[in-house]
């Protein structure tokens, strides 16, 4: 199998996880902290629970502010805790 030169780099790397979340911290240089929420049903009681997970993401241009809704994508390790990269700002904070 030969690789086409015009193929996108994303296609070569395979599937990467994407998450949408709210920026909760932008005080570090080129790094944002994103809180992603998901809903999970309790196994026994069937009540819907909110679960929050925090991710550190790379923001090269430092465009994000606290409260922005952003999309992040999984990437190679950029530091000890940073494994995600900013893809786009979905909605700006008011």
C-alpha atoms as a PDB file:
ATOM      1  CA  UNK A   1       0.000   0.000   0.000  1.00  0.00           C
ATOM      2  CA  UNK A   2       1.443   3.354  -0.995  1.00  0.00           C
ATOM      3  CA  UNK A   3       0.631   6.656   0.676  1.00  0.00           C
ATOM      4  CA  UNK A   4      -0.657   9.466  -1.484  1.00  0.00           C
ATOM      5  CA  UNK A   5       1.395  12.638  -1.082  1.00  0.00           C
ATOM      6  CA  UNK A   6      -1.746  14.790  -1.105  1.00  0.00           C
ATOM      7  CA  UNK A   7      -3.318  12.863   1.778  1.00  0.00           C
ATOM      8  CA  UNK A   8      -4.131  14.877   4.886  1.00  0.00           C
ATOM      9  CA  UNK A   9      -1.857  14.324   7.905  1.00  0.00           C
ATOM     10  CA  UNK A  10      -4.918  13.535  10.060  1.00  0.00           C
ATOM     11  CA  UNK A  11      -5.767  10.593   7.822  1.00  0.00           C
ATOM     12  CA  UNK A  12      -2.264   9.190   8.223  1.00  0.00           C
ATOM     13  CA  UNK A  13      -2.303   9.430  12.018  1.00  0.00           C
ATOM     14  CA  UNK A  14      -5.583   7.625  12.464  1.00  0.00           C
ATOM     15  CA  UNK A  15      -8.539   8.438  14.666  1.00  0.00           C
ATOM     16  CA  UNK A  16      -7.970  10.843  17.526  1.00  0.00           C
ATOM     17  CA  UNK A  17     -10.404  11.608  20.306  1.00  0.00           C
ATOM     18  CA  UNK A  18     -12.138  14.957  20.309  1.00  0.00           C
ATOM     19  CA  UNK A  19     -13.863  16.630  23.217  1.00  0.00           C
ATOM     20  CA  UNK A  20     -15.907  19.797  23.650  1.00  0.00           C
ATOM     21  CA  UNK A  21     -15.637  21.678  26.915  1.00  0.00           C
ATOM     22  CA  UNK A  22     -15.462  24.995  28.711  1.00  0.00           C
ATOM     23  CA  UNK A  23     -12.169  26.757  29.458  1.00  0.00           C
ATOM     24  CA  UNK A  24     -11.831  27.025  33.236  1.00  0.00           C
ATOM     25  CA  UNK A  25      -8.271  28.385  33.325  1.00  0.00           C
ATOM     26  CA  UNK A  26      -6.081  30.273  30.860  1.00  0.00           C
ATOM     27  CA  UNK A  27      -3.442  31.625  33.241  1.00  0.00           C
ATOM     28  CA  UNK A  28      -0.566  29.437  31.977  1.00  0.00           C
ATOM     29  CA  UNK A  29       1.568  30.238  28.946  1.00  0.00           C
ATOM     30  CA  UNK A  30       0.142  28.566  25.819  1.00  0.00           C
ATOM     31  CA  UNK A  31      -1.913  26.183  27.979  1.00  0.00           C
ATOM     32  CA  UNK A  32      -5.586  26.089  28.824  1.00  0.00           C
ATOM     33  CA  UNK A  33      -7.512  23.860  31.207  1.00  0.00           C
ATOM     34  CA  UNK A  34     -10.733  22.535  29.723  1.00  0.00           C
ATOM     35  CA  UNK A  35     -13.560  20.943  31.735  1.00  0.00           C
ATOM     36  CA  UNK A  36     -15.555  18.406  29.736  1.00  0.00           C
ATOM     37  CA  UNK A  37     -18.889  17.170  31.074  1.00  0.00           C
ATOM     38  CA  UNK A  38     -20.670  13.925  30.338  1.00  0.00           C
ATOM     39  CA  UNK A  39     -23.834  12.325  31.632  1.00  0.00           C
ATOM     40  CA  UNK A  40     -23.699   8.845  33.172  1.00  0.00           C
ATOM     41  CA  UNK A  41     -26.514   6.741  34.563  1.00  0.00           C
ATOM     42  CA  UNK A  42     -26.047   5.258  38.017  1.00  0.00           C
ATOM     43  CA  UNK A  43     -25.781   1.457  37.692  1.00  0.00           C
ATOM     44  CA  UNK A  44     -28.204   0.622  40.506  1.00  0.00           C
ATOM     45  CA  UNK A  45     -30.488   3.637  40.887  1.00  0.00           C
ATOM     46  CA  UNK A  46     -30.594   4.738  37.228  1.00  0.00           C
ATOM     47  CA  UNK A  47     -30.301   8.402  38.173  1.00  0.00           C
ATOM     48  CA  UNK A  48     -28.408  10.559  35.665  1.00  0.00           C
ATOM     49  CA  UNK A  49     -25.168  11.928  37.118  1.00  0.00           C
ATOM     50  CA  UNK A  50     -22.935  14.679  35.762  1.00  0.00           C
ATOM     51  CA  UNK A  51     -19.277  13.695  35.524  1.00  0.00           C
ATOM     52  CA  UNK A  52     -16.564  16.294  34.874  1.00  0.00           C
ATOM     53  CA  UNK A  53     -13.066  15.602  33.577  1.00  0.00           C
ATOM     54  CA  UNK A  54     -10.332  18.242  33.261  1.00  0.00           C
ATOM     55  CA  UNK A  55      -7.860  18.296  30.373  1.00  0.00           C
ATOM     56  CA  UNK A  56      -4.815  20.481  29.749  1.00  0.00           C
ATOM     57  CA  UNK A  57      -4.650  21.602  26.118  1.00  0.00           C
ATOM     58  CA  UNK A  58      -2.087  23.473  24.026  1.00  0.00           C
ATOM     59  CA  UNK A  59      -3.225  26.912  22.824  1.00  0.00           C
ATOM     60  CA  UNK A  60      -0.409  28.166  20.585  1.00  0.00           C
ATOM     61  CA  UNK A  61      -1.876  31.600  19.823  1.00  0.00           C
ATOM     62  CA  UNK A  62      -3.202  32.130  23.379  1.00  0.00           C
ATOM     63  CA  UNK A  63      -6.615  33.115  22.002  1.00  0.00           C
ATOM     64  CA  UNK A  64      -8.831  31.468  24.633  1.00  0.00           C
ATOM     65  CA  UNK A  65     -10.350  33.098  27.680  1.00  0.00           C
ATOM     66  CA  UNK A  66     -12.129  31.644  30.688  1.00  0.00           C
ATOM     67  CA  UNK A  67     -15.676  30.684  29.758  1.00  0.00           C
ATOM     68  CA  UNK A  68     -15.046  29.931  26.067  1.00  0.00           C
ATOM     69  CA  UNK A  69     -16.573  26.774  24.611  1.00  0.00           C
ATOM     70  CA  UNK A  70     -13.770  24.966  22.751  1.00  0.00           C
ATOM     71  CA  UNK A  71     -13.074  21.787  20.809  1.00  0.00           C
ATOM     72  CA  UNK A  72      -9.848  19.926  21.644  1.00  0.00           C
ATOM     73  CA  UNK A  73      -8.173  16.939  19.976  1.00  0.00           C
ATOM     74  CA  UNK A  74      -5.898  14.270  21.411  1.00  0.00           C
ATOM     75  CA  UNK A  75      -2.234  14.569  20.402  1.00  0.00           C
ATOM     76  CA  UNK A  76       1.219  13.334  21.332  1.00  0.00           C
ATOM     77  CA  UNK A  77       2.476  14.223  24.834  1.00  0.00           C
ATOM     78  CA  UNK A  78       3.520  17.878  24.831  1.00  0.00           C
ATOM     79  CA  UNK A  79       4.491  17.987  28.519  1.00  0.00           C
ATOM     80  CA  UNK A  80       3.997  15.968  31.694  1.00  0.00           C
ATOM     81  CA  UNK A  81       0.246  16.625  31.802  1.00  0.00           C
ATOM     82  CA  UNK A  82      -0.570  18.112  28.377  1.00  0.00           C
ATOM     83  CA  UNK A  83      -1.962  15.561  25.871  1.00  0.00           C
ATOM     84  CA  UNK A  84      -4.524  17.678  23.980  1.00  0.00           C
ATOM     85  CA  UNK A  85      -4.420  20.466  21.381  1.00  0.00           C
ATOM     86  CA  UNK A  86      -6.927  23.251  20.730  1.00  0.00           C
ATOM     87  CA  UNK A  87      -8.821  22.721  17.456  1.00  0.00           C
ATOM     88  CA  UNK A  88     -11.277  25.614  17.463  1.00  0.00           C
ATOM     89  CA  UNK A  89     -13.163  28.044  19.648  1.00  0.00           C
ATOM     90  CA  UNK A  90     -16.813  27.063  19.216  1.00  0.00           C
ATOM     91  CA  UNK A  91     -18.306  29.962  21.165  1.00  0.00           C
ATOM     92  CA  UNK A  92     -16.730  32.972  22.858  1.00  0.00           C
ATOM     93  CA  UNK A  93     -17.556  33.875  26.456  1.00  0.00           C
ATOM     94  CA  UNK A  94     -19.717  36.934  26.925  1.00  0.00           C
END
